[in-house]
PDB file of N, CA and C in Angstrom:
ATOM      1  N   UNK A   1      -1.658  -3.400 -20.214  1.00  0.00           N
ATOM      2  CA  UNK A   1      -0.851  -3.820 -18.695  1.00  0.00           C
ATOM      3  C   UNK A   1      -2.415  -3.449 -17.901  1.00  0.00           C
ATOM      4  N   UNK A   2      -3.317  -4.711 -16.993  1.00  0.00           N
ATOM      5  CA  UNK A   2      -3.423  -4.237 -16.138  1.00  0.00           C
ATOM      6  C   UNK A   2      -4.071  -3.894 -15.188  1.00  0.00           C
ATOM      7  N   UNK A   3      -5.145  -3.820 -14.148  1.00  0.00           N
ATOM      8  CA  UNK A   3      -4.841  -3.262 -12.850  1.00  0.00           C
ATOM      9  C   UNK A   3      -3.932  -3.909 -11.858  1.00  0.00           C
ATOM     10  N   UNK A   4      -4.592  -4.811 -12.472  1.00  0.00           N
ATOM     11  CA  UNK A   4      -3.764  -6.047 -10.920  1.00  0.00           C
ATOM     12  C   UNK A   4      -2.325  -6.517 -11.468  1.00  0.00           C
ATOM     13  N   UNK A   5      -1.865  -6.522 -12.572  1.00  0.00           N
ATOM     14  CA  UNK A   5      -0.216  -6.197 -13.002  1.00  0.00           C
ATOM     15  C   UNK A   5       0.106  -5.366 -12.595  1.00  0.00           C
ATOM     16  N   UNK A   6      -0.551  -3.453 -12.219  1.00  0.00           N
ATOM     17  CA  UNK A   6       0.410  -3.184 -11.988  1.00  0.00           C
ATOM     18  C   UNK A   6       0.337  -2.811 -10.800  1.00  0.00           C
ATOM     19  N   UNK A   7      -0.331  -3.236 -10.433  1.00  0.00           N
ATOM     20  CA  UNK A   7      -0.336  -3.397  -8.462  1.00  0.00           C
ATOM     21  C   UNK A   7       1.312  -4.543  -8.321  1.00  0.00           C
ATOM     22  N   UNK A   8       1.056  -5.630  -9.003  1.00  0.00           N
ATOM     23  CA  UNK A   8       1.802  -6.595  -8.754  1.00  0.00           C
ATOM     24  C   UNK A   8       3.361  -6.055  -8.701  1.00  0.00           C
ATOM     25  N   UNK A   9       3.884  -5.042  -9.925  1.00  0.00           N
ATOM     26  CA  UNK A   9       5.257  -4.392 -10.448  1.00  0.00           C
ATOM     27  C   UNK A   9       5.255  -3.381  -9.833  1.00  0.00           C
ATOM     28  N   UNK A  10       4.772  -2.959  -8.646  1.00  0.00           N
ATOM     29  CA  UNK A  10       4.473  -1.594  -8.026  1.00  0.00           C
ATOM     30  C   UNK A  10       5.394  -1.870  -6.376  1.00  0.00           C
ATOM     31  N   UNK A  11       4.835  -3.231  -6.026  1.00  0.00           N
ATOM     32  CA  UNK A  11       4.824  -3.899  -5.074  1.00  0.00           C
ATOM     33  C   UNK A  11       6.388  -4.178  -5.227  1.00  0.00           C
ATOM     34  N   UNK A  12       6.631  -4.890  -6.199  1.00  0.00           N
ATOM     35  CA  UNK A  12       8.009  -5.303  -6.817  1.00  0.00           C
ATOM     36  C   UNK A  12       9.277  -4.130  -6.805  1.00  0.00           C
ATOM     37  N   UNK A  13       8.840  -3.165  -7.414  1.00  0.00           N
ATOM     38  CA  UNK A  13       9.309  -2.472  -7.539  1.00  0.00           C
ATOM     39  C   UNK A  13      10.157  -1.398  -6.193  1.00  0.00           C
ATOM     40  N   UNK A  14       9.344  -1.463  -4.753  1.00  0.00           N
ATOM     41  CA  UNK A  14       9.248  -1.149  -4.033  1.00  0.00           C
ATOM     42  C   UNK A  14      10.570  -1.933  -3.653  1.00  0.00           C
ATOM     43  N   UNK A  15       9.760  -3.227  -3.606  1.00  0.00           N
ATOM     44  CA  UNK A  15      10.397  -4.342  -2.741  1.00  0.00           C
ATOM     45  C   UNK A  15      12.073  -4.523  -3.367  1.00  0.00           C
ATOM     46  N   UNK A  16      12.235  -4.027  -4.156  1.00  0.00           N
ATOM     47  CA  UNK A  16      13.350  -4.626  -5.119  1.00  0.00           C
ATOM     48  C   UNK A  16      14.769  -3.913  -4.051  1.00  0.00           C
ATOM     49  N   UNK A  17      15.025  -2.464  -3.529  1.00  0.00           N
ATOM     50  CA  UNK A  17      16.177  -2.358  -2.751  1.00  0.00           C
ATOM     51  C   UNK A  17      16.419  -2.932  -1.711  1.00  0.00           C
ATOM     52  N   UNK A  18      15.621  -3.987  -1.219  1.00  0.00           N
ATOM     53  CA  UNK A  18      15.920  -4.732   0.362  1.00  0.00           C
ATOM     54  C   UNK A  18      15.603  -6.004   0.099  1.00  0.00           C
ATOM     55  N   UNK A  19      15.597  -6.607  -1.028  1.00  0.00           N
ATOM     56  CA  UNK A  19      15.431  -7.992  -1.049  1.00  0.00           C
ATOM     57  C   UNK A  19      17.056  -8.600  -1.173  1.00  0.00           C
ATOM     58  N   UNK A  20      16.814  -9.741  -0.490  1.00  0.00           N
ATOM     59  CA  UNK A  20      18.545 -10.469  -0.396  1.00  0.00           C
ATOM     60  C   UNK A  20      19.031 -10.748  -1.599  1.00  0.00           C
ATOM     61  N   UNK A  21      20.177 -11.586  -1.955  1.00  0.00           N
ATOM     62  CA  UNK A  21      20.589 -12.376  -3.438  1.00  0.00           C
ATOM     63  C   UNK A  21      19.105 -13.702  -3.340  1.00  0.00           C
ATOM     64  N   UNK A  22      18.393 -13.524  -4.455  1.00  0.00           N
ATOM     65  CA  UNK A  22      18.002 -15.078  -4.500  1.00  0.00           C
ATOM     66  C   UNK A  22      16.410 -15.091  -3.362  1.00  0.00           C
ATOM     67  N   UNK A  23      16.270 -13.904  -2.858  1.00  0.00           N
ATOM     68  CA  UNK A  23      15.235 -13.844  -2.405  1.00  0.00           C
ATOM     69  C   UNK A  23      13.912 -14.082  -2.945  1.00  0.00           C
ATOM     70  N   UNK A  24      12.875 -14.542  -3.010  1.00  0.00           N
ATOM     71  CA  UNK A  24      12.046 -14.620  -4.125  1.00  0.00           C
ATOM     72  C   UNK A  24      10.529 -13.992  -3.595  1.00  0.00           C
ATOM     73  N   UNK A  25       9.712 -13.247  -3.887  1.00  0.00           N
ATOM     74  CA  UNK A  25       8.887 -12.393  -3.932  1.00  0.00           C
ATOM     75  C   UNK A  25       7.698 -13.479  -3.486  1.00  0.00           C
ATOM     76  N   UNK A  26       6.584 -13.415  -2.316  1.00  0.00           N
ATOM     77  CA  UNK A  26       5.510 -13.988  -2.685  1.00  0.00           C
ATOM     78  C   UNK A  26       4.369 -13.793  -2.567  1.00  0.00           C
ATOM     79  N   UNK A  27       4.179 -13.161  -2.495  1.00  0.00           N
ATOM     80  CA  UNK A  27       2.920 -11.651  -2.525  1.00  0.00           C
ATOM     81  C   UNK A  27       3.418 -10.290  -1.508  1.00  0.00           C
ATOM     82  N   UNK A  28       2.242  -9.252  -1.758  1.00  0.00           N
ATOM     83  CA  UNK A  28       2.673  -7.513  -1.433  1.00  0.00           C
ATOM     84  C   UNK A  28       0.860  -7.685  -1.111  1.00  0.00           C
ATOM     85  N   UNK A  29       1.036  -6.582  -0.523  1.00  0.00           N
ATOM     86  CA  UNK A  29       0.075  -5.287  -0.547  1.00  0.00           C
ATOM     87  C   UNK A  29      -0.095  -4.248   0.107  1.00  0.00           C
ATOM     88  N   UNK A  30      -0.298  -3.721   0.222  1.00  0.00           N
ATOM     89  CA  UNK A  30      -0.448  -2.032   0.966  1.00  0.00           C
ATOM     90  C   UNK A  30      -1.224  -1.801   2.215  1.00  0.00           C
ATOM     91  N   UNK A  31      -0.472  -0.735   2.826  1.00  0.00           N
ATOM     92  CA  UNK A  31      -1.161  -0.691   4.020  1.00  0.00           C
ATOM     93  C   UNK A  31      -1.826   0.669   4.541  1.00  0.00           C
ATOM     94  N   UNK A  32      -2.195   1.243   5.341  1.00  0.00           N
ATOM     95  CA  UNK A  32      -2.248   2.916   5.940  1.00  0.00           C
ATOM     96  C   UNK A  32      -1.787   2.525   7.033  1.00  0.00           C
ATOM     97  N   UNK A  33      -1.366   3.700   7.740  1.00  0.00           N
ATOM     98  CA  UNK A  33      -1.580   3.440   9.197  1.00  0.00           C
ATOM     99  C   UNK A  33      -1.942   4.944  10.073  1.00  0.00           C
ATOM    100  N   UNK A  34      -2.752   6.045   9.416  1.00  0.00           N
ATOM    101  CA  UNK A  34      -3.138   6.771   9.787  1.00  0.00           C
ATOM    102  C   UNK A  34      -4.805   6.893   9.697  1.00  0.00           C
ATOM    103  N   UNK A  35      -5.778   7.769   9.726  1.00  0.00           N
ATOM    104  CA  UNK A  35      -7.200   7.505   9.854  1.00  0.00           C
ATOM    105  C   UNK A  35      -7.438   8.648   8.762  1.00  0.00           C
ATOM    106  N   UNK A  36      -6.798   9.321   8.289  1.00  0.00           N
ATOM    107  CA  UNK A  36      -7.603  10.772   7.138  1.00  0.00           C
ATOM    108  C   UNK A  36      -7.120   9.909   5.997  1.00  0.00           C
ATOM    109  N   UNK A  37      -7.870  10.006   4.934  1.00  0.00           N
ATOM    110  CA  UNK A  37      -7.227   9.484   3.372  1.00  0.00           C
ATOM    111  C   UNK A  37      -6.344   9.703   2.788  1.00  0.00           C
ATOM    112  N   UNK A  38      -6.526  11.050   3.018  1.00  0.00           N
ATOM    113  CA  UNK A  38      -5.857  12.069   2.289  1.00  0.00           C
ATOM    114  C   UNK A  38      -4.067  12.523   3.094  1.00  0.00           C
ATOM    115  N   UNK A  39      -3.792  11.520   4.275  1.00  0.00           N
ATOM    116  CA  UNK A  39      -2.928  12.429   4.954  1.00  0.00           C
ATOM    117  C   UNK A  39      -2.379  11.287   5.564  1.00  0.00           C
ATOM    118  N   UNK A  40      -2.500   9.989   5.201  1.00  0.00           N
ATOM    119  CA  UNK A  40      -2.448   8.540   6.265  1.00  0.00           C
ATOM    120  C   UNK A  40      -0.891   8.220   4.842  1.00  0.00           C
ATOM    121  N   UNK A  41      -0.002   7.916   6.223  1.00  0.00           N
ATOM    122  CA  UNK A  41       1.113   7.211   5.372  1.00  0.00           C
ATOM    123  C   UNK A  41       0.987   5.941   5.277  1.00  0.00           C
ATOM    124  N   UNK A  42       1.406   5.487   3.613  1.00  0.00           N
ATOM    125  CA  UNK A  42       1.114   4.012   3.149  1.00  0.00           C
ATOM    126  C   UNK A  42       2.513   3.305   3.670  1.00  0.00           C
ATOM    127  N   UNK A  43       2.541   1.916   3.668  1.00  0.00           N
ATOM    128  CA  UNK A  43       3.549   1.280   3.712  1.00  0.00           C
ATOM    129  C   UNK A  43       3.749  -0.180   2.883  1.00  0.00           C
ATOM    130  N   UNK A  44       3.931  -0.438   2.149  1.00  0.00           N
ATOM    131  CA  UNK A  44       3.735  -1.760   1.552  1.00  0.00           C
ATOM    132  C   UNK A  44       4.302  -3.208   2.418  1.00  0.00           C
ATOM    133  N   UNK A  45       4.046  -3.880   2.376  1.00  0.00           N
ATOM    134  CA  UNK A  45       3.679  -5.190   3.323  1.00  0.00           C
ATOM    135  C   UNK A  45       4.145  -5.599   2.253  1.00  0.00           C
ATOM    136  N   UNK A  46       5.736  -6.767   1.828  1.00  0.00           N
ATOM    137  CA  UNK A  46       6.205  -7.627   1.369  1.00  0.00           C
ATOM    138  C   UNK A  46       6.346  -9.293   1.571  1.00  0.00           C
ATOM    139  N   UNK A  47       5.650  -9.794   1.087  1.00  0.00           N
ATOM    140  CA  UNK A  47       5.982 -11.303   1.895  1.00  0.00           C
ATOM    141  C   UNK A  47       7.126 -11.707   0.803  1.00  0.00           C
ATOM    142  N   UNK A  48       8.104 -12.637   1.161  1.00  0.00           N
ATOM    143  CA  UNK A  48       9.015 -13.042   0.522  1.00  0.00           C
ATOM    144  C   UNK A  48       9.295 -14.283   1.230  1.00  0.00           C
ATOM    145  N   UNK A  49       9.952 -15.765   0.867  1.00  0.00           N
ATOM    146  CA  UNK A  49      10.541 -16.860   1.502  1.00  0.00           C
ATOM    147  C   UNK A  49      11.159 -16.565   2.384  1.00  0.00           C
ATOM    148  N   UNK A  50      11.890 -15.503   2.685  1.00  0.00           N
ATOM    149  CA  UNK A  50      12.723 -15.900   3.389  1.00  0.00           C
ATOM    150  C   UNK A  50      12.618 -14.294   4.958  1.00  0.00           C
ATOM    151  N   UNK A  51      11.554 -13.598   4.561  1.00  0.00           N
ATOM    152  CA  UNK A  51      11.401 -12.960   5.407  1.00  0.00           C
ATOM    153  C   UNK A  51       9.755 -11.509   5.188  1.00  0.00           C
ATOM    154  N   UNK A  52       8.890 -10.732   5.994  1.00  0.00           N
ATOM    155  CA  UNK A  52       8.517  -9.694   5.656  1.00  0.00           C
ATOM    156  C   UNK A  52       8.811  -8.480   5.821  1.00  0.00           C
ATOM    157  N   UNK A  53       8.748  -7.933   4.727  1.00  0.00           N
ATOM    158  CA  UNK A  53       9.457  -6.352   4.318  1.00  0.00           C
ATOM    159  C   UNK A  53       8.806  -5.625   4.846  1.00  0.00           C
ATOM    160  N   UNK A  54       8.568  -4.172   5.498  1.00  0.00           N
ATOM    161  CA  UNK A  54       7.666  -3.366   5.800  1.00  0.00           C
ATOM    162  C   UNK A  54       8.107  -2.443   5.541  1.00  0.00           C
ATOM    163  N   UNK A  55       7.924  -1.857   4.316  1.00  0.00           N
ATOM    164  CA  UNK A  55       8.661  -0.890   3.261  1.00  0.00           C
ATOM    165  C   UNK A  55       8.108   0.767   3.526  1.00  0.00           C
ATOM    166  N   UNK A  56       8.369   1.298   4.021  1.00  0.00           N
ATOM    167  CA  UNK A  56       7.895   2.840   3.376  1.00  0.00           C
ATOM    168  C   UNK A  56       8.831   4.445   3.277  1.00  0.00           C
ATOM    169  N   UNK A  57       8.591   5.253   3.859  1.00  0.00           N
ATOM    170  CA  UNK A  57       9.150   6.068   3.292  1.00  0.00           C
ATOM    171  C   UNK A  57      10.516   6.565   4.033  1.00  0.00           C
ATOM    172  N   UNK A  58      10.487   5.905   4.918  1.00  0.00           N
ATOM    173  CA  UNK A  58      11.992   5.995   5.684  1.00  0.00           C
ATOM    174  C   UNK A  58      13.216   4.488   5.376  1.00  0.00           C
ATOM    175  N   UNK A  59      12.626   3.770   4.896  1.00  0.00           N
ATOM    176  CA  UNK A  59      13.418   2.448   4.463  1.00  0.00           C
ATOM    177  C   UNK A  59      12.389   1.238   4.656  1.00  0.00           C
ATOM    178  N   UNK A  60      13.107   0.010   5.367  1.00  0.00           N
ATOM    179  CA  UNK A  60      12.555  -1.261   5.214  1.00  0.00           C
ATOM    180  C   UNK A  60      12.671  -1.770   6.393  1.00  0.00           C
ATOM    181  N   UNK A  61      11.956  -2.473   6.824  1.00  0.00           N
ATOM    182  CA  UNK A  61      11.958  -3.010   8.627  1.00  0.00           C
ATOM    183  C   UNK A  61      11.846  -4.507   7.695  1.00  0.00           C
ATOM    184  N   UNK A  62      12.607  -5.383   8.737  1.00  0.00           N
ATOM    185  CA  UNK A  62      12.516  -6.953   7.809  1.00  0.00           C
ATOM    186  C   UNK A  62      11.714  -7.898   9.425  1.00  0.00           C
ATOM    187  N   UNK A  63      10.824  -8.613   9.243  1.00  0.00           N
ATOM    188  CA  UNK A  63      10.314  -8.933  10.400  1.00  0.00           C
ATOM    189  C   UNK A  63      10.799 -11.017   9.553  1.00  0.00           C
ATOM    190  N   UNK A  64      10.851 -12.157  11.020  1.00  0.00           N
ATOM    191  CA  UNK A  64      10.601 -12.894  10.478  1.00  0.00           C
ATOM    192  C   UNK A  64       9.455 -13.109   9.721  1.00  0.00           C
ATOM    193  N   UNK A  65       9.508 -14.650   8.889  1.00  0.00           N
ATOM    194  CA  UNK A  65       8.748 -15.050   7.801  1.00  0.00           C
ATOM    195  C   UNK A  65       7.815 -15.736   8.699  1.00  0.00           C
ATOM    196  N   UNK A  66       7.598 -16.370   9.741  1.00  0.00           N
ATOM    197  CA  UNK A  66       6.763 -16.964  10.977  1.00  0.00           C
ATOM    198  C   UNK A  66       5.679 -16.011  11.317  1.00  0.00           C
ATOM    199  N   UNK A  67       5.430 -14.488  10.623  1.00  0.00           N
ATOM    200  CA  UNK A  67       4.320 -13.983  11.399  1.00  0.00           C
ATOM    201  C   UNK A  67       3.133 -14.333  10.295  1.00  0.00           C
ATOM    202  N   UNK A  68       2.101 -14.457  11.014  1.00  0.00           N
ATOM    203  CA  UNK A  68       0.561 -14.638  10.969  1.00  0.00           C
ATOM    204  C   UNK A  68      -0.242 -13.635  10.735  1.00  0.00           C
ATOM    205  N   UNK A  69      -0.703 -13.048   9.789  1.00  0.00           N
ATOM    206  CA  UNK A  69      -1.223 -12.087   9.387  1.00  0.00           C
ATOM    207  C   UNK A  69      -2.721 -12.168   9.781  1.00  0.00           C
ATOM    208  N   UNK A  70      -3.428 -13.230  10.177  1.00  0.00           N
ATOM    209  CA  UNK A  70      -4.918 -13.720  10.257  1.00  0.00           C
ATOM    210  C   UNK A  70      -5.757 -13.591   9.082  1.00  0.00           C
ATOM    211  N   UNK A  71      -7.030 -14.281   9.850  1.00  0.00           N
ATOM    212  CA  UNK A  71      -8.587 -14.037   8.330  1.00  0.00           C
ATOM    213  C   UNK A  71      -8.311 -12.342   8.281  1.00  0.00           C
ATOM    214  N   UNK A  72      -8.536 -11.988   7.054  1.00  0.00           N
ATOM    215  CA  UNK A  72      -8.888 -10.599   7.009  1.00  0.00           C
ATOM    216  C   UNK A  72     -10.861 -10.231   7.153  1.00  0.00           C
ATOM    217  N   UNK A  73     -11.048  -9.704   7.731  1.00  0.00           N
ATOM    218  CA  UNK A  73     -12.647  -9.175   7.475  1.00  0.00           C
ATOM    219  C   UNK A  73     -13.321  -7.483   7.509  1.00  0.00           C
ATOM    220  N   UNK A  74     -13.715  -7.421   7.422  1.00  0.00           N
ATOM    221  CA  UNK A  74     -14.444  -5.640   7.674  1.00  0.00           C
ATOM    222  C   UNK A  74     -14.016  -5.091   6.301  1.00  0.00           C
ATOM    223  N   UNK A  75     -13.790  -3.677   5.997  1.00  0.00           N
ATOM    224  CA  UNK A  75     -13.817  -2.838   5.400  1.00  0.00           C
ATOM    225  C   UNK A  75     -11.282  -3.093   5.460  1.00  0.00           C
ATOM    226  N   UNK A  76     -11.251  -3.131   6.402  1.00  0.00           N
ATOM    227  CA  UNK A  76      -9.991  -2.438   6.928  1.00  0.00           C
ATOM    228  C   UNK A  76      -9.778  -4.451   7.940  1.00  0.00           C
ATOM    229  N   UNK A  77      -8.418  -4.580   7.289  1.00  0.00           N
ATOM    230  CA  UNK A  77      -8.235  -5.704   8.708  1.00  0.00           C
ATOM    231  C   UNK A  77      -7.156  -5.284   9.080  1.00  0.00           C
ATOM    232  N   UNK A  78      -7.172  -5.306  10.519  1.00  0.00           N
ATOM    233  CA  UNK A  78      -5.746  -4.624  11.080  1.00  0.00           C
ATOM    234  C   UNK A  78      -4.275  -5.509  11.434  1.00  0.00           C
ATOM    235  N   UNK A  79      -3.557  -5.158  11.434  1.00  0.00           N
ATOM    236  CA  UNK A  79      -1.869  -6.127  11.412  1.00  0.00           C
ATOM    237  C   UNK A  79      -1.387  -5.109  12.532  1.00  0.00           C
ATOM    238  N   UNK A  80      -1.388  -5.901  13.758  1.00  0.00           N
ATOM    239  CA  UNK A  80      -0.593  -5.035  15.144  1.00  0.00           C
ATOM    240  C   UNK A  80       1.428  -5.498  14.258  1.00  0.00           C
ATOM    241  N   UNK A  81       1.794  -4.631  14.486  1.00  0.00           N
ATOM    242  CA  UNK A  81       3.544  -4.938  14.286  1.00  0.00           C
ATOM    243  C   UNK A  81       4.471  -4.134  15.426  1.00  0.00           C
ATOM    244  N   UNK A  82       4.891  -3.021  15.304  1.00  0.00           N
ATOM    245  CA  UNK A  82       5.613  -1.501  15.722  1.00  0.00           C
ATOM    246  C   UNK A  82       4.730  -0.958  16.169  1.00  0.00           C
ATOM    247  N   UNK A  83       3.203  -0.869  14.589  1.00  0.00           N
ATOM    248  CA  UNK A  83       2.113   0.270  14.902  1.00  0.00           C
ATOM    249  C   UNK A  83       0.831  -0.950  14.373  1.00  0.00           C
ATOM    250  N   UNK A  84      -0.073  -0.096  14.440  1.00  0.00           N
ATOM    251  CA  UNK A  84      -1.329  -0.542  13.446  1.00  0.00           C
ATOM    252  C   UNK A  84      -1.270   0.029  12.355  1.00  0.00           C
ATOM    253  N   UNK A  85      -1.632  -1.017  11.045  1.00  0.00           N
ATOM    254  CA  UNK A  85      -1.695  -1.282  10.081  1.00  0.00           C
ATOM    255  C   UNK A  85      -2.951  -1.530   9.240  1.00  0.00           C
ATOM    256  N   UNK A  86      -3.477  -0.928   8.478  1.00  0.00           N
ATOM    257  CA  UNK A  86      -4.646  -1.107   7.712  1.00  0.00           C
ATOM    258  C   UNK A  86      -4.981  -1.541   6.499  1.00  0.00           C
ATOM    259  N   UNK A  87      -5.147  -3.156   6.183  1.00  0.00           N
ATOM    260  CA  UNK A  87      -5.247  -3.147   4.649  1.00  0.00           C
ATOM    261  C   UNK A  87      -6.788  -3.351   4.329  1.00  0.00           C
ATOM    262  N   UNK A  88      -6.813  -2.677   3.651  1.00  0.00           N
ATOM    263  CA  UNK A  88      -8.388  -2.478   2.998  1.00  0.00           C
ATOM    264  C   UNK A  88      -8.359  -3.844   2.220  1.00  0.00           C
ATOM    265  N   UNK A  89      -9.561  -4.213   2.053  1.00  0.00           N
ATOM    266  CA  UNK A  89     -10.336  -5.078   1.610  1.00  0.00           C
ATOM    267  C   UNK A  89     -10.076  -5.507   0.014  1.00  0.00           C
ATOM    268  N   UNK A  90      -9.522  -4.881  -0.910  1.00  0.00           N
ATOM    269  CA  UNK A  90      -8.983  -4.969  -2.093  1.00  0.00           C
ATOM    270  C   UNK A  90      -7.740  -5.649  -1.888  1.00  0.00           C
ATOM    271  N   UNK A  91      -7.286  -6.000  -1.236  1.00  0.00           N
ATOM    272  CA  UNK A  91      -5.787  -6.706  -0.168  1.00  0.00           C
ATOM    273  C   UNK A  91      -6.245  -8.092   0.143  1.00  0.00           C
ATOM    274  N   UNK A  92      -7.255  -7.985   0.800  1.00  0.00           N
ATOM    275  CA  UNK A  92      -7.320  -8.758   1.426  1.00  0.00           C
ATOM    276  C   UNK A  92      -7.433 -10.822   0.729  1.00  0.00           C
ATOM    277  N   UNK A  93      -6.911 -10.967  -0.167  1.00  0.00           N
ATOM    278  CA  UNK A  93      -6.875 -11.974  -0.753  1.00  0.00           C
ATOM    279  C   UNK A  93      -5.676 -12.392  -0.697  1.00  0.00           C
ATOM    280  N   UNK A  94      -4.865 -11.213  -0.724  1.00  0.00           N
ATOM    281  CA  UNK A  94      -3.132 -11.258  -0.514  1.00  0.00           C
ATOM    282  C   UNK A  94      -2.747 -11.945   0.782  1.00  0.00           C
ATOM    283  N   UNK A  95      -3.483 -11.020   1.714  1.00  0.00           N
ATOM    284  CA  UNK A  95      -3.333 -11.030   2.872  1.00  0.00           C
ATOM    285  C   UNK A  95      -3.644 -12.930   3.827  1.00  0.00           C
ATOM    286  N   UNK A  96      -4.549 -13.193   2.759  1.00  0.00           N
ATOM    287  CA  UNK A  96      -4.643 -14.896   2.544  1.00  0.00           C
ATOM    288  C   UNK A  96      -3.747 -15.292   2.004  1.00  0.00           C
ATOM    289  N   UNK A  97      -3.025 -15.207   1.175  1.00  0.00           N
ATOM    290  CA  UNK A  97      -1.923 -15.821  -0.184  1.00  0.00           C
ATOM    291  C   UNK A  97      -0.880 -15.553   0.847  1.00  0.00           C
ATOM    292  N   UNK A  98      -1.117 -14.968   2.273  1.00  0.00           N
ATOM    293  CA  UNK A  98       0.576 -15.256   2.306  1.00  0.00           C
ATOM    294  C   UNK A  98       0.592 -15.625   3.326  1.00  0.00           C
ATOM    295  N   UNK A  99      -0.562 -15.751   4.531  1.00  0.00           N
ATOM    296  CA  UNK A  99      -1.026 -17.109   5.141  1.00  0.00           C
ATOM    297  C   UNK A  99      -0.866 -18.755   5.271  1.00  0.00           C
ATOM    298  N   UNK A 100      -1.196 -18.595   3.792  1.00  0.00           N
ATOM    299  CA  UNK A 100      -1.432 -19.816   3.154  1.00  0.00           C
ATOM    300  C   UNK A 100      -0.104 -20.171   2.539  1.00  0.00           C
ATOM    301  N   UNK A 101       1.072 -19.113   2.199  1.00  0.00           N
ATOM    302  CA  UNK A 101       2.200 -19.480   1.662  1.00  0.00           C
ATOM    303  C   UNK A 101       2.853 -19.899   3.016  1.00  0.00           C
ATOM    304  N   UNK A 102       2.742 -19.746   4.256  1.00  0.00           N
ATOM    305  CA  UNK A 102       3.566 -20.043   5.350  1.00  0.00           C
ATOM    306  C   UNK A 102       3.031 -21.184   5.276  1.00  0.00           C
ATOM    307  N   UNK A 103       2.046 -21.620   5.678  1.00  0.00           N
ATOM    308  CA  UNK A 103       1.551 -23.019   5.463  1.00  0.00           C
ATOM    309  C   UNK A 103       2.127 -24.276   5.209  1.00  0.00           C
ATOM    310  N   UNK A 104       2.456 -23.739   3.536  1.00  0.00           N
ATOM    311  CA  UNK A 104       3.318 -24.450   2.822  1.00  0.00           C
ATOM    312  C   UNK A 104       4.089 -24.584   3.432  1.00  0.00           C
ATOM    313  N   UNK A 105       4.912 -23.863   3.439  1.00  0.00           N
ATOM    314  CA  UNK A 105       6.713 -23.740   3.857  1.00  0.00           C
ATOM    315  C   UNK A 105       6.424 -24.041   5.627  1.00  0.00           C
ATOM    316  N   UNK A 106       5.645 -24.096   5.984  1.00  0.00           N
ATOM    317  CA  UNK A 106       5.521 -25.543   7.647  1.00  0.00           C
ATOM    318  C   UNK A 106       5.341 -26.804   6.925  1.00  0.00           C
ATOM    319  N   UNK A 107       4.386 -27.056   6.351  1.00  0.00           N
ATOM    320  CA  UNK A 107       4.685 -28.349   5.579  1.00  0.00           C
ATOM    321  C   UNK A 107       5.730 -28.731   4.560  1.00  0.00           C
ATOM    322  N   UNK A 108       6.381 -28.147   4.456  1.00  0.00           N
ATOM    323  CA  UNK A 108       7.337 -28.979   3.533  1.00  0.00           C
ATOM    324  C   UNK A 108       8.760 -28.622   4.582  1.00  0.00           C
ATOM    325  N   UNK A 109       8.248 -27.907   5.805  1.00  0.00           N
ATOM    326  CA  UNK A 109      10.193 -27.845   6.536  1.00  0.00           C
ATOM    327  C   UNK A 109      10.686 -27.076   6.575  1.00  0.00           C
ATOM    328  N   UNK A 110      10.721 -25.644   5.182  1.00  0.00           N
ATOM    329  CA  UNK A 110      11.525 -25.048   4.903  1.00  0.00           C
ATOM    330  C   UNK A 110      11.464 -23.545   5.426  1.00  0.00           C
ATOM    331  N   UNK A 111      10.715 -23.757   6.511  1.00  0.00           N
ATOM    332  CA  UNK A 111      10.935 -22.052   7.164  1.00  0.00           C
ATOM    333  C   UNK A 111      12.202 -22.028   7.188  1.00  0.00           C
ATOM    334  N   UNK A 112      12.504 -20.401   6.963  1.00  0.00           N
ATOM    335  CA  UNK A 112      13.595 -19.746   7.111  1.00  0.00           C
ATOM    336  C   UNK A 112      13.669 -19.725   8.895  1.00  0.00           C
ATOM    337  N   UNK A 113      15.419 -19.725   9.147  1.00  0.00           N
ATOM    338  CA  UNK A 113      15.491 -19.614  10.987  1.00  0.00           C
ATOM    339  C   UNK A 113      15.368 -18.163  10.630  1.00  0.00           C
ATOM    340  N   UNK A 114      15.271 -17.741  11.745  1.00  0.00           N
ATOM    341  CA  UNK A 114      14.355 -16.290  12.699  1.00  0.00           C
ATOM    342  C   UNK A 114      16.012 -15.331  12.836  1.00  0.00           C
ATOM    343  N   UNK A 115      16.650 -14.291  12.567  1.00  0.00           N
ATOM    344  CA  UNK A 115      17.185 -13.935  12.680  1.00  0.00           C
ATOM    345  C   UNK A 115      17.667 -12.881  13.816  1.00  0.00           C
TER     346      UNK A 115
END
């Protein structure tokens, strides 16, 4: 199993306890929330067809699926939610894929209603 497959498996494993029945993962990526590489709390963003999950050590936060991440640039792309999350450039492709999936859902008119 290659590196990419292990990343996908890790994200799916972290998301599994928080997914609703029938909810499908579209993409996901890891983020950092601090400044020092060895003391940085990590959070996993899991983008599904119904919501965006932010999975951390204390559980998961569920956001509406209509959230846009923006075009990633630089070494770390910043996402502002309840705090600043930083996405390393190795995950920029997944960030773009999340926004593209949102655009496709809007074009089809099947965006889930916000809770």
